[in-house]
Amino acid sequence: MSLFTLFVLAVGLSMDAFAVSVCKGLAMRKVTVGKMALVGAWFGGFQALMPAIGYVLGCQFKERIMAVDHWIAFVLLAFIGINMIRESAGKEKEEQSCGNETEGESLKPRAMFVLAVATSIDALAVGITFAFLEVNIMAAMLFIGVITFALSMVGVKVGNVFGTKYKSRAELSGGVILVLLGIKILLEHMGII
C-alpha cells in the first residue's frame, strides 16, 4: 500500500472522530491546546490501536482465505463507507442535540473511552484487511493515529468556532473515500489498474 493510499485511508477513517470532535468543541466555552490534545489523544490512540487488533485477527485467518482476500477488503471498506454515507444523511437531528452535554461531562475518561471505541470500530475492520494486503502494520498504526490526532484537534476548534456546520460533510467525505479505496483494491487485484 502506497504512502498516498495510506494517507487517504487515514483521513477517511478519522472522519468519525473529526465529527465527534466537532461536538466536543461545541460543548466547550473556551478551547485550549490542552483540551484539543486530550481529545486528539483519545481518538488518535484508539484509531492507532484498533488496526493492530484487526491485523492480529486477520493474520489468524489469512492462510484460509487468501483466494478471496481482495473481496473481503472491498466488502469491508465498502460496507463501512456506505454506512458512513448513510449516517451522514441522518445527522440533522443529531446535530441539533450535539452540544447538549456540559463541558465538564464532555471530557471525562468514561465518556471519552466510549466515544473513542465507537469511532474506531471501522479501524478494527480495516486492520483485518491490512493482514491480507501485507501492510506494514506499525507504520500504518502510527500514520492513522497521527492523522486522527491532528484532525480531532482541528475538529474541536472547528466545533467551537463554527458549530456543527461541517460535521455531516466530514462523515460523507470519509464514507466516499473508504468506498473508493475498496474499489481501488478490488480493481488492482483484478489487474484493471
N, C-alpha and C. Protein backbone atom coordinates (compact mmCIF):
# COMPACT_ATOMS: atom_id res chain seq x y z
N MET A 1 0.85 -1.17 0.00
CA MET A 1 0.00 0.00 0.00
C MET A 1 0.90 1.24 0.00
N SER A 2 0.65 2.13 -0.95
CA SER A 2 1.48 3.32 -1.06
C SER A 2 1.21 4.29 0.09
N LEU A 3 2.15 5.20 0.28
CA LEU A 3 2.01 6.21 1.34
C LEU A 3 0.79 7.08 1.09
N PHE A 4 0.55 7.43 -0.17
CA PHE A 4 -0.62 8.26 -0.50
C PHE A 4 -1.92 7.52 -0.17
N THR A 5 -1.99 6.24 -0.54
CA THR A 5 -3.19 5.44 -0.25
C THR A 5 -3.41 5.34 1.25
N LEU A 6 -2.33 5.12 1.98
CA LEU A 6 -2.43 5.05 3.44
C LEU A 6 -2.90 6.38 4.02
N PHE A 7 -2.41 7.48 3.47
CA PHE A 7 -2.83 8.80 3.92
C PHE A 7 -4.34 9.00 3.69
N VAL A 8 -4.79 8.65 2.49
CA VAL A 8 -6.22 8.80 2.16
C VAL A 8 -7.07 7.92 3.07
N LEU A 9 -6.61 6.71 3.32
CA LEU A 9 -7.32 5.80 4.21
C LEU A 9 -7.39 6.38 5.62
N ALA A 10 -6.28 6.91 6.10
CA ALA A 10 -6.24 7.50 7.44
C ALA A 10 -7.21 8.67 7.56
N VAL A 11 -7.26 9.51 6.54
CA VAL A 11 -8.20 10.63 6.55
C VAL A 11 -9.63 10.11 6.57
N GLY A 12 -9.93 9.12 5.73
CA GLY A 12 -11.28 8.54 5.71
C GLY A 12 -11.68 7.96 7.05
N LEU A 13 -10.77 7.22 7.68
CA LEU A 13 -11.07 6.63 8.98
C LEU A 13 -11.25 7.68 10.07
N SER A 14 -10.56 8.78 9.95
CA SER A 14 -10.60 9.80 11.01
C SER A 14 -11.84 10.69 10.96
N MET A 15 -12.65 10.56 9.92
CA MET A 15 -13.80 11.45 9.79
C MET A 15 -14.84 11.26 10.89
N ASP A 16 -15.04 10.05 11.38
CA ASP A 16 -15.95 9.84 12.51
C ASP A 16 -15.42 10.58 13.74
N ALA A 17 -14.13 10.42 14.00
CA ALA A 17 -13.52 11.11 15.15
C ALA A 17 -13.59 12.63 14.97
N PHE A 18 -13.38 13.10 13.75
CA PHE A 18 -13.49 14.53 13.47
C PHE A 18 -14.90 15.03 13.79
N ALA A 19 -15.91 14.28 13.34
CA ALA A 19 -17.30 14.68 13.56
C ALA A 19 -17.62 14.75 15.06
N VAL A 20 -17.16 13.78 15.82
CA VAL A 20 -17.41 13.79 17.26
C VAL A 20 -16.60 14.91 17.93
N SER A 21 -15.41 15.18 17.43
CA SER A 21 -14.59 16.27 17.96
C SER A 21 -15.27 17.62 17.76
N VAL A 22 -15.99 17.75 16.65
CA VAL A 22 -16.75 18.97 16.41
C VAL A 22 -17.77 19.16 17.55
N CYS A 23 -18.43 18.07 17.93
CA CYS A 23 -19.39 18.14 19.05
C CYS A 23 -18.69 18.51 20.35
N LYS A 24 -17.53 17.95 20.57
CA LYS A 24 -16.77 18.29 21.78
C LYS A 24 -16.45 19.77 21.81
N GLY A 25 -16.01 20.30 20.68
CA GLY A 25 -15.69 21.73 20.61
C GLY A 25 -16.91 22.60 20.83
N LEU A 26 -18.04 22.13 20.35
CA LEU A 26 -19.29 22.87 20.51
C LEU A 26 -19.67 22.98 21.99
N ALA A 27 -19.35 21.96 22.77
CA ALA A 27 -19.70 21.94 24.19
C ALA A 27 -18.74 22.77 25.05
N MET A 28 -17.62 23.19 24.49
CA MET A 28 -16.62 23.92 25.27
C MET A 28 -16.82 25.43 25.18
N ARG A 29 -16.77 26.08 26.34
CA ARG A 29 -16.83 27.54 26.34
C ARG A 29 -15.51 28.11 25.84
N LYS A 30 -14.43 27.54 26.32
CA LYS A 30 -13.10 28.02 25.91
C LYS A 30 -12.26 26.81 25.49
N VAL A 31 -11.75 26.86 24.28
CA VAL A 31 -10.91 25.78 23.77
C VAL A 31 -9.45 26.12 24.05
N THR A 32 -8.75 25.15 24.64
CA THR A 32 -7.31 25.31 24.88
C THR A 32 -6.58 24.21 24.11
N VAL A 33 -5.31 24.42 23.90
CA VAL A 33 -4.50 23.41 23.23
C VAL A 33 -4.52 22.10 24.02
N GLY A 34 -4.54 22.20 25.35
CA GLY A 34 -4.59 21.01 26.19
C GLY A 34 -5.85 20.20 25.98
N LYS A 35 -6.99 20.88 25.89
CA LYS A 35 -8.27 20.18 25.64
C LYS A 35 -8.28 19.58 24.25
N MET A 36 -7.77 20.33 23.28
CA MET A 36 -7.71 19.80 21.91
C MET A 36 -6.81 18.57 21.85
N ALA A 37 -5.67 18.63 22.54
CA ALA A 37 -4.73 17.49 22.56
C ALA A 37 -5.32 16.29 23.28
N LEU A 38 -6.09 16.53 24.33
CA LEU A 38 -6.73 15.43 25.06
C LEU A 38 -7.71 14.68 24.16
N VAL A 39 -8.55 15.41 23.46
CA VAL A 39 -9.50 14.79 22.53
C VAL A 39 -8.73 14.07 21.43
N GLY A 40 -7.71 14.73 20.89
CA GLY A 40 -6.89 14.12 19.84
C GLY A 40 -6.20 12.84 20.30
N ALA A 41 -5.71 12.84 21.53
CA ALA A 41 -5.02 11.66 22.06
C ALA A 41 -5.97 10.48 22.23
N TRP A 42 -7.17 10.74 22.74
CA TRP A 42 -8.15 9.65 22.87
C TRP A 42 -8.48 9.04 21.52
N PHE A 43 -8.87 9.90 20.58
CA PHE A 43 -9.30 9.39 19.28
C PHE A 43 -8.12 8.85 18.48
N GLY A 44 -7.01 9.56 18.46
CA GLY A 44 -5.83 9.09 17.72
C GLY A 44 -5.28 7.79 18.29
N GLY A 45 -5.27 7.68 19.62
CA GLY A 45 -4.77 6.47 20.26
C GLY A 45 -5.59 5.24 19.91
N PHE A 46 -6.90 5.39 19.98
CA PHE A 46 -7.76 4.25 19.65
C PHE A 46 -7.76 3.95 18.16
N GLN A 47 -7.68 4.98 17.33
CA GLN A 47 -7.60 4.73 15.88
C GLN A 47 -6.30 4.02 15.53
N ALA A 48 -5.25 4.21 16.30
CA ALA A 48 -3.98 3.51 16.07
C ALA A 48 -4.03 2.08 16.62
N LEU A 49 -4.69 1.90 17.76
CA LEU A 49 -4.75 0.59 18.40
C LEU A 49 -5.64 -0.40 17.66
N MET A 50 -6.78 0.04 17.19
CA MET A 50 -7.75 -0.88 16.59
C MET A 50 -7.24 -1.58 15.33
N PRO A 51 -6.52 -0.92 14.43
CA PRO A 51 -6.00 -1.67 13.27
C PRO A 51 -5.04 -2.80 13.69
N ALA A 52 -4.31 -2.58 14.79
CA ALA A 52 -3.40 -3.63 15.26
C ALA A 52 -4.18 -4.85 15.73
N ILE A 53 -5.27 -4.61 16.44
CA ILE A 53 -6.12 -5.71 16.89
C ILE A 53 -6.72 -6.43 15.68
N GLY A 54 -7.22 -5.66 14.72
CA GLY A 54 -7.77 -6.25 13.50
C GLY A 54 -6.73 -7.02 12.71
N TYR A 55 -5.51 -6.50 12.67
CA TYR A 55 -4.41 -7.15 11.97
C TYR A 55 -4.11 -8.53 12.57
N VAL A 56 -4.06 -8.58 13.90
CA VAL A 56 -3.80 -9.86 14.58
C VAL A 56 -4.92 -10.85 14.26
N LEU A 57 -6.17 -10.38 14.31
CA LEU A 57 -7.30 -11.25 13.98
C LEU A 57 -7.22 -11.71 12.53
N GLY A 58 -6.91 -10.79 11.62
CA GLY A 58 -6.80 -11.12 10.20
C GLY A 58 -5.71 -12.13 9.92
N CYS A 59 -4.59 -12.01 10.62
CA CYS A 59 -3.48 -12.95 10.42
C CYS A 59 -3.88 -14.38 10.81
N GLN A 60 -4.80 -14.51 11.77
CA GLN A 60 -5.25 -15.83 12.20
C GLN A 60 -5.98 -16.57 11.07
N PHE A 61 -6.65 -15.81 10.19
CA PHE A 61 -7.46 -16.40 9.14
C PHE A 61 -6.85 -16.25 7.75
N LYS A 62 -5.73 -15.59 7.66
CA LYS A 62 -5.12 -15.22 6.38
C LYS A 62 -4.89 -16.42 5.46
N GLU A 63 -4.31 -17.44 5.98
CA GLU A 63 -3.97 -18.61 5.15
C GLU A 63 -5.21 -19.29 4.57
N ARG A 64 -6.29 -19.27 5.30
CA ARG A 64 -7.51 -19.96 4.88
C ARG A 64 -8.27 -19.21 3.79
N ILE A 65 -8.10 -17.90 3.71
CA ILE A 65 -8.94 -17.13 2.80
C ILE A 65 -8.16 -16.24 1.84
N MET A 66 -6.92 -16.61 1.53
CA MET A 66 -6.09 -15.81 0.62
C MET A 66 -6.73 -15.64 -0.76
N ALA A 67 -7.48 -16.61 -1.22
CA ALA A 67 -8.06 -16.54 -2.56
C ALA A 67 -9.12 -15.45 -2.69
N VAL A 68 -9.73 -15.07 -1.60
CA VAL A 68 -10.79 -14.07 -1.66
C VAL A 68 -10.47 -12.82 -0.82
N ASP A 69 -9.20 -12.65 -0.46
CA ASP A 69 -8.84 -11.53 0.41
C ASP A 69 -9.19 -10.16 -0.17
N HIS A 70 -9.03 -10.00 -1.47
CA HIS A 70 -9.36 -8.72 -2.10
C HIS A 70 -10.86 -8.42 -2.03
N TRP A 71 -11.66 -9.47 -2.12
CA TRP A 71 -13.11 -9.29 -1.99
C TRP A 71 -13.48 -8.91 -0.56
N ILE A 72 -12.80 -9.51 0.40
CA ILE A 72 -13.06 -9.18 1.81
C ILE A 72 -12.70 -7.73 2.08
N ALA A 73 -11.54 -7.30 1.58
CA ALA A 73 -11.12 -5.90 1.75
C ALA A 73 -12.15 -4.97 1.11
N PHE A 74 -12.57 -5.30 -0.10
CA PHE A 74 -13.56 -4.48 -0.80
C PHE A 74 -14.87 -4.40 -0.03
N VAL A 75 -15.39 -5.55 0.39
CA VAL A 75 -16.68 -5.59 1.08
C VAL A 75 -16.62 -4.82 2.40
N LEU A 76 -15.55 -5.02 3.18
CA LEU A 76 -15.43 -4.32 4.46
C LEU A 76 -15.36 -2.81 4.27
N LEU A 77 -14.49 -2.37 3.36
CA LEU A 77 -14.35 -0.92 3.14
C LEU A 77 -15.63 -0.32 2.55
N ALA A 78 -16.24 -1.02 1.61
CA ALA A 78 -17.48 -0.51 1.01
C ALA A 78 -18.59 -0.46 2.06
N PHE A 79 -18.70 -1.49 2.88
CA PHE A 79 -19.73 -1.51 3.92
C PHE A 79 -19.54 -0.36 4.91
N ILE A 80 -18.32 -0.18 5.38
CA ILE A 80 -18.04 0.91 6.32
C ILE A 80 -18.33 2.25 5.66
N GLY A 81 -17.85 2.42 4.42
CA GLY A 81 -18.06 3.68 3.71
C GLY A 81 -19.52 3.99 3.47
N ILE A 82 -20.28 3.00 3.01
CA ILE A 82 -21.70 3.21 2.74
C ILE A 82 -22.44 3.53 4.04
N ASN A 83 -22.05 2.87 5.11
CA ASN A 83 -22.65 3.15 6.41
C ASN A 83 -22.39 4.60 6.83
N MET A 84 -21.17 5.08 6.62
CA MET A 84 -20.84 6.47 6.96
C MET A 84 -21.65 7.44 6.10
N ILE A 85 -21.78 7.13 4.82
CA ILE A 85 -22.56 7.99 3.92
C ILE A 85 -24.02 8.04 4.37
N ARG A 86 -24.56 6.86 4.69
CA ARG A 86 -25.96 6.78 5.15
C ARG A 86 -26.15 7.55 6.45
N GLU A 87 -25.21 7.40 7.38
CA GLU A 87 -25.32 8.11 8.65
C GLU A 87 -25.19 9.62 8.47
N SER A 88 -24.39 10.06 7.52
CA SER A 88 -24.22 11.50 7.31
C SER A 88 -25.52 12.14 6.85
N ALA A 89 -26.36 11.40 6.16
CA ALA A 89 -27.64 11.93 5.69
C ALA A 89 -28.62 12.12 6.83
N GLY A 90 -28.48 11.35 7.90
CA GLY A 90 -29.41 11.44 9.03
C GLY A 90 -28.85 12.22 10.20
N LYS A 91 -27.89 13.08 9.99
CA LYS A 91 -27.24 13.79 11.08
C LYS A 91 -27.96 15.04 11.56
N GLU A 92 -28.96 15.52 10.83
CA GLU A 92 -29.58 16.79 11.20
C GLU A 92 -30.14 16.79 12.62
N LYS A 93 -30.90 15.77 12.97
CA LYS A 93 -31.47 15.70 14.32
C LYS A 93 -30.36 15.58 15.36
N GLU A 94 -29.37 14.75 15.04
CA GLU A 94 -28.26 14.55 15.96
C GLU A 94 -27.47 15.84 16.15
N GLU A 95 -27.29 16.59 15.06
CA GLU A 95 -26.53 17.82 15.14
C GLU A 95 -27.22 18.86 16.01
N GLN A 96 -28.54 18.84 16.03
CA GLN A 96 -29.26 19.80 16.86
C GLN A 96 -29.02 19.53 18.33
N SER A 97 -28.78 18.27 18.70
CA SER A 97 -28.54 17.94 20.10
C SER A 97 -27.06 17.71 20.39
N CYS A 98 -26.22 18.03 19.46
CA CYS A 98 -24.79 17.76 19.55
C CYS A 98 -24.15 18.41 20.78
N GLY A 99 -24.50 19.61 21.07
CA GLY A 99 -23.83 20.33 22.16
C GLY A 99 -24.59 20.33 23.47
N ASN A 100 -25.44 19.36 23.70
CA ASN A 100 -26.26 19.35 24.91
C ASN A 100 -25.53 18.89 26.16
N GLU A 101 -24.35 18.29 26.02
CA GLU A 101 -23.63 17.87 27.20
C GLU A 101 -22.87 19.06 27.78
N THR A 102 -22.62 19.02 29.09
CA THR A 102 -21.87 20.11 29.70
C THR A 102 -20.39 19.92 29.43
N GLU A 103 -19.64 21.00 29.56
CA GLU A 103 -18.21 20.93 29.27
C GLU A 103 -17.50 19.96 30.20
N GLY A 104 -17.91 19.92 31.48
CA GLY A 104 -17.29 19.01 32.43
C GLY A 104 -17.52 17.55 32.08
N GLU A 105 -18.72 17.22 31.63
CA GLU A 105 -19.03 15.84 31.24
C GLU A 105 -18.34 15.46 29.95
N SER A 106 -18.10 16.42 29.12
CA SER A 106 -17.61 16.21 27.77
C SER A 106 -16.26 15.50 27.70
N LEU A 107 -15.36 15.78 28.63
CA LEU A 107 -14.00 15.24 28.54
C LEU A 107 -13.68 14.21 29.62
N LYS A 108 -14.66 13.74 30.36
CA LYS A 108 -14.41 12.72 31.38
C LYS A 108 -13.94 11.44 30.70
N PRO A 109 -13.01 10.71 31.35
CA PRO A 109 -12.48 9.48 30.74
C PRO A 109 -13.55 8.47 30.31
N ARG A 110 -14.58 8.32 31.11
CA ARG A 110 -15.62 7.35 30.78
C ARG A 110 -16.31 7.72 29.46
N ALA A 111 -16.66 8.99 29.31
CA ALA A 111 -17.32 9.45 28.08
C ALA A 111 -16.37 9.36 26.90
N MET A 112 -15.12 9.76 27.10
CA MET A 112 -14.15 9.74 26.01
C MET A 112 -13.83 8.31 25.58
N PHE A 113 -13.76 7.39 26.54
CA PHE A 113 -13.47 5.99 26.20
C PHE A 113 -14.55 5.42 25.30
N VAL A 114 -15.80 5.63 25.68
CA VAL A 114 -16.92 5.10 24.88
C VAL A 114 -16.88 5.69 23.47
N LEU A 115 -16.67 6.99 23.35
CA LEU A 115 -16.63 7.63 22.04
C LEU A 115 -15.41 7.18 21.22
N ALA A 116 -14.28 7.02 21.89
CA ALA A 116 -13.07 6.59 21.19
C ALA A 116 -13.24 5.18 20.62
N VAL A 117 -13.84 4.29 21.39
CA VAL A 117 -14.09 2.93 20.90
C VAL A 117 -15.09 2.97 19.75
N ALA A 118 -16.17 3.72 19.94
CA ALA A 118 -17.23 3.77 18.92
C ALA A 118 -16.72 4.33 17.59
N THR A 119 -15.86 5.33 17.65
CA THR A 119 -15.36 5.93 16.41
C THR A 119 -14.23 5.14 15.77
N SER A 120 -13.68 4.16 16.48
CA SER A 120 -12.56 3.40 15.93
C SER A 120 -12.90 1.97 15.53
N ILE A 121 -14.15 1.57 15.63
CA ILE A 121 -14.55 0.23 15.21
C ILE A 121 -14.23 0.02 13.73
N ASP A 122 -14.43 1.05 12.92
CA ASP A 122 -14.10 0.96 11.50
C ASP A 122 -12.63 0.61 11.30
N ALA A 123 -11.77 1.18 12.13
CA ALA A 123 -10.34 0.93 12.02
C ALA A 123 -10.01 -0.53 12.35
N LEU A 124 -10.79 -1.16 13.22
CA LEU A 124 -10.61 -2.57 13.52
C LEU A 124 -10.84 -3.41 12.26
N ALA A 125 -11.91 -3.11 11.54
CA ALA A 125 -12.21 -3.84 10.31
C ALA A 125 -11.14 -3.60 9.26
N VAL A 126 -10.65 -2.37 9.17
CA VAL A 126 -9.58 -2.07 8.21
C VAL A 126 -8.30 -2.82 8.58
N GLY A 127 -8.05 -2.96 9.87
CA GLY A 127 -6.88 -3.73 10.32
C GLY A 127 -6.93 -5.17 9.84
N ILE A 128 -8.11 -5.74 9.77
CA ILE A 128 -8.26 -7.10 9.24
C ILE A 128 -7.82 -7.12 7.77
N THR A 129 -8.22 -6.11 7.02
CA THR A 129 -7.81 -6.06 5.60
C THR A 129 -6.32 -5.85 5.46
N PHE A 130 -5.68 -5.18 6.42
CA PHE A 130 -4.23 -4.98 6.36
C PHE A 130 -3.48 -6.31 6.38
N ALA A 131 -4.02 -7.29 7.10
CA ALA A 131 -3.37 -8.60 7.16
C ALA A 131 -3.35 -9.25 5.78
N PHE A 132 -4.42 -9.07 5.01
CA PHE A 132 -4.49 -9.66 3.69
C PHE A 132 -3.65 -8.90 2.68
N LEU A 133 -3.50 -7.61 2.88
CA LEU A 133 -2.76 -6.77 1.94
C LEU A 133 -1.28 -6.67 2.28
N GLU A 134 -0.87 -7.32 3.35
CA GLU A 134 0.52 -7.32 3.81
C GLU A 134 1.06 -5.91 3.97
N VAL A 135 0.35 -5.12 4.75
CA VAL A 135 0.73 -3.74 5.05
C VAL A 135 1.67 -3.75 6.24
N ASN A 136 2.63 -2.82 6.27
CA ASN A 136 3.49 -2.64 7.43
C ASN A 136 2.60 -2.07 8.54
N ILE A 137 2.21 -2.90 9.48
CA ILE A 137 1.20 -2.53 10.46
C ILE A 137 1.69 -1.43 11.41
N MET A 138 2.95 -1.44 11.76
CA MET A 138 3.46 -0.41 12.67
C MET A 138 3.40 0.97 12.01
N ALA A 139 3.81 1.05 10.76
CA ALA A 139 3.76 2.32 10.04
C ALA A 139 2.31 2.76 9.85
N ALA A 140 1.44 1.82 9.53
CA ALA A 140 0.02 2.15 9.33
C ALA A 140 -0.61 2.65 10.62
N MET A 141 -0.33 1.98 11.74
CA MET A 141 -0.86 2.40 13.03
C MET A 141 -0.42 3.81 13.37
N LEU A 142 0.86 4.07 13.21
CA LEU A 142 1.40 5.39 13.52
C LEU A 142 0.77 6.46 12.63
N PHE A 143 0.69 6.16 11.36
CA PHE A 143 0.14 7.11 10.40
C PHE A 143 -1.32 7.42 10.70
N ILE A 144 -2.13 6.39 10.91
CA ILE A 144 -3.55 6.57 11.20
C ILE A 144 -3.73 7.32 12.52
N GLY A 145 -2.95 6.96 13.52
CA GLY A 145 -3.05 7.62 14.82
C GLY A 145 -2.70 9.10 14.76
N VAL A 146 -1.63 9.43 14.05
CA VAL A 146 -1.19 10.83 13.96
C VAL A 146 -2.20 11.66 13.17
N ILE A 147 -2.68 11.12 12.04
CA ILE A 147 -3.67 11.85 11.23
C ILE A 147 -4.94 12.08 12.04
N THR A 148 -5.41 11.05 12.74
CA THR A 148 -6.63 11.19 13.54
C THR A 148 -6.41 12.17 14.68
N PHE A 149 -5.25 12.11 15.32
CA PHE A 149 -4.92 13.05 16.39
C PHE A 149 -5.04 14.49 15.88
N ALA A 150 -4.39 14.75 14.75
CA ALA A 150 -4.38 16.12 14.19
C ALA A 150 -5.78 16.57 13.78
N LEU A 151 -6.51 15.71 13.08
CA LEU A 151 -7.85 16.09 12.62
C LEU A 151 -8.83 16.23 13.78
N SER A 152 -8.64 15.46 14.83
CA SER A 152 -9.50 15.59 16.01
C SER A 152 -9.26 16.92 16.71
N MET A 153 -8.00 17.32 16.79
CA MET A 153 -7.69 18.63 17.37
C MET A 153 -8.35 19.74 16.55
N VAL A 154 -8.23 19.63 15.24
CA VAL A 154 -8.86 20.61 14.35
C VAL A 154 -10.38 20.59 14.53
N GLY A 155 -10.95 19.40 14.67
CA GLY A 155 -12.40 19.26 14.84
C GLY A 155 -12.91 19.98 16.08
N VAL A 156 -12.16 19.90 17.18
CA VAL A 156 -12.55 20.60 18.40
C VAL A 156 -12.63 22.10 18.14
N LYS A 157 -11.61 22.62 17.48
CA LYS A 157 -11.58 24.06 17.19
C LYS A 157 -12.70 24.45 16.22
N VAL A 158 -12.89 23.64 15.18
CA VAL A 158 -13.96 23.91 14.22
C VAL A 158 -15.32 23.91 14.91
N GLY A 159 -15.56 22.94 15.77
CA GLY A 159 -16.83 22.87 16.50
C GLY A 159 -17.04 24.07 17.38
N ASN A 160 -15.99 24.52 18.03
CA ASN A 160 -16.09 25.67 18.91
C ASN A 160 -16.35 26.96 18.13
N VAL A 161 -15.75 27.08 16.96
CA VAL A 161 -15.88 28.30 16.17
C VAL A 161 -17.11 28.28 15.27
N PHE A 162 -17.33 27.17 14.56
CA PHE A 162 -18.37 27.13 13.54
C PHE A 162 -19.60 26.31 13.91
N GLY A 163 -19.58 25.60 15.03
CA GLY A 163 -20.71 24.74 15.37
C GLY A 163 -20.67 23.47 14.54
N THR A 164 -21.81 22.91 14.25
CA THR A 164 -21.90 21.60 13.59
C THR A 164 -22.01 21.69 12.07
N LYS A 165 -21.71 22.84 11.52
CA LYS A 165 -21.89 23.06 10.08
C LYS A 165 -21.19 22.02 9.21
N TYR A 166 -20.00 21.58 9.59
CA TYR A 166 -19.20 20.69 8.74
C TYR A 166 -19.22 19.23 9.17
N LYS A 167 -19.97 18.92 10.22
CA LYS A 167 -19.95 17.56 10.77
C LYS A 167 -20.44 16.51 9.77
N SER A 168 -21.60 16.70 9.19
CA SER A 168 -22.14 15.68 8.29
C SER A 168 -21.36 15.63 6.98
N ARG A 169 -20.82 16.76 6.54
CA ARG A 169 -19.99 16.75 5.33
C ARG A 169 -18.72 15.93 5.54
N ALA A 170 -18.15 16.01 6.72
CA ALA A 170 -16.95 15.23 7.02
C ALA A 170 -17.26 13.75 6.98
N GLU A 171 -18.38 13.36 7.57
CA GLU A 171 -18.76 11.95 7.57
C GLU A 171 -19.04 11.45 6.15
N LEU A 172 -19.71 12.25 5.36
CA LEU A 172 -19.97 11.90 3.96
C LEU A 172 -18.66 11.73 3.19
N SER A 173 -17.74 12.66 3.36
CA SER A 173 -16.44 12.57 2.68
C SER A 173 -15.68 11.32 3.08
N GLY A 174 -15.67 11.02 4.37
CA GLY A 174 -14.99 9.82 4.86
C GLY A 174 -15.57 8.56 4.26
N GLY A 175 -16.89 8.49 4.16
CA GLY A 175 -17.56 7.32 3.57
C GLY A 175 -17.20 7.14 2.12
N VAL A 176 -17.22 8.23 1.36
CA VAL A 176 -16.88 8.16 -0.07
C VAL A 176 -15.43 7.70 -0.24
N ILE A 177 -14.52 8.22 0.58
CA ILE A 177 -13.11 7.83 0.50
C ILE A 177 -12.95 6.34 0.73
N LEU A 178 -13.62 5.79 1.74
CA LEU A 178 -13.48 4.36 2.04
C LEU A 178 -14.05 3.48 0.93
N VAL A 179 -15.19 3.87 0.36
CA VAL A 179 -15.77 3.11 -0.75
C VAL A 179 -14.81 3.12 -1.94
N LEU A 180 -14.27 4.27 -2.27
CA LEU A 180 -13.34 4.37 -3.40
C LEU A 180 -12.07 3.54 -3.17
N LEU A 181 -11.57 3.52 -1.93
CA LEU A 181 -10.39 2.70 -1.64
C LEU A 181 -10.71 1.21 -1.79
N GLY A 182 -11.89 0.80 -1.37
CA GLY A 182 -12.30 -0.59 -1.55
C GLY A 182 -12.35 -0.97 -3.02
N ILE A 183 -12.90 -0.09 -3.85
CA ILE A 183 -12.97 -0.33 -5.29
C ILE A 183 -11.57 -0.40 -5.88
N LYS A 184 -10.69 0.50 -5.43
CA LYS A 184 -9.30 0.53 -5.92
C LYS A 184 -8.58 -0.79 -5.62
N ILE A 185 -8.74 -1.30 -4.40
CA ILE A 185 -8.11 -2.57 -4.02
C ILE A 185 -8.62 -3.70 -4.90
N LEU A 186 -9.92 -3.75 -5.13
CA LEU A 186 -10.51 -4.78 -5.96
C LEU A 186 -10.01 -4.69 -7.39
N LEU A 187 -10.00 -3.50 -7.97
CA LEU A 187 -9.55 -3.32 -9.36
C LEU A 187 -8.06 -3.63 -9.53
N GLU A 188 -7.26 -3.29 -8.53
CA GLU A 188 -5.82 -3.61 -8.57
C GLU A 188 -5.61 -5.12 -8.59
N HIS A 189 -6.35 -5.84 -7.75
CA HIS A 189 -6.20 -7.28 -7.68
C HIS A 189 -6.64 -7.96 -8.99
N MET A 190 -7.64 -7.38 -9.64
CA MET A 190 -8.13 -7.94 -10.89
C MET A 190 -7.26 -7.54 -12.08
N GLY A 191 -6.26 -6.67 -11.81
CA GLY A 191 -5.35 -6.24 -12.88
C GLY A 191 -5.91 -5.16 -13.79
N ILE A 192 -6.97 -4.52 -13.38
CA ILE A 192 -7.59 -3.47 -14.20
C ILE A 192 -6.82 -2.15 -14.06
N ILE A 193 -6.30 -1.86 -12.86
CA ILE A 193 -5.48 -0.66 -12.69
C ILE A 193 -4.15 -1.02 -12.06
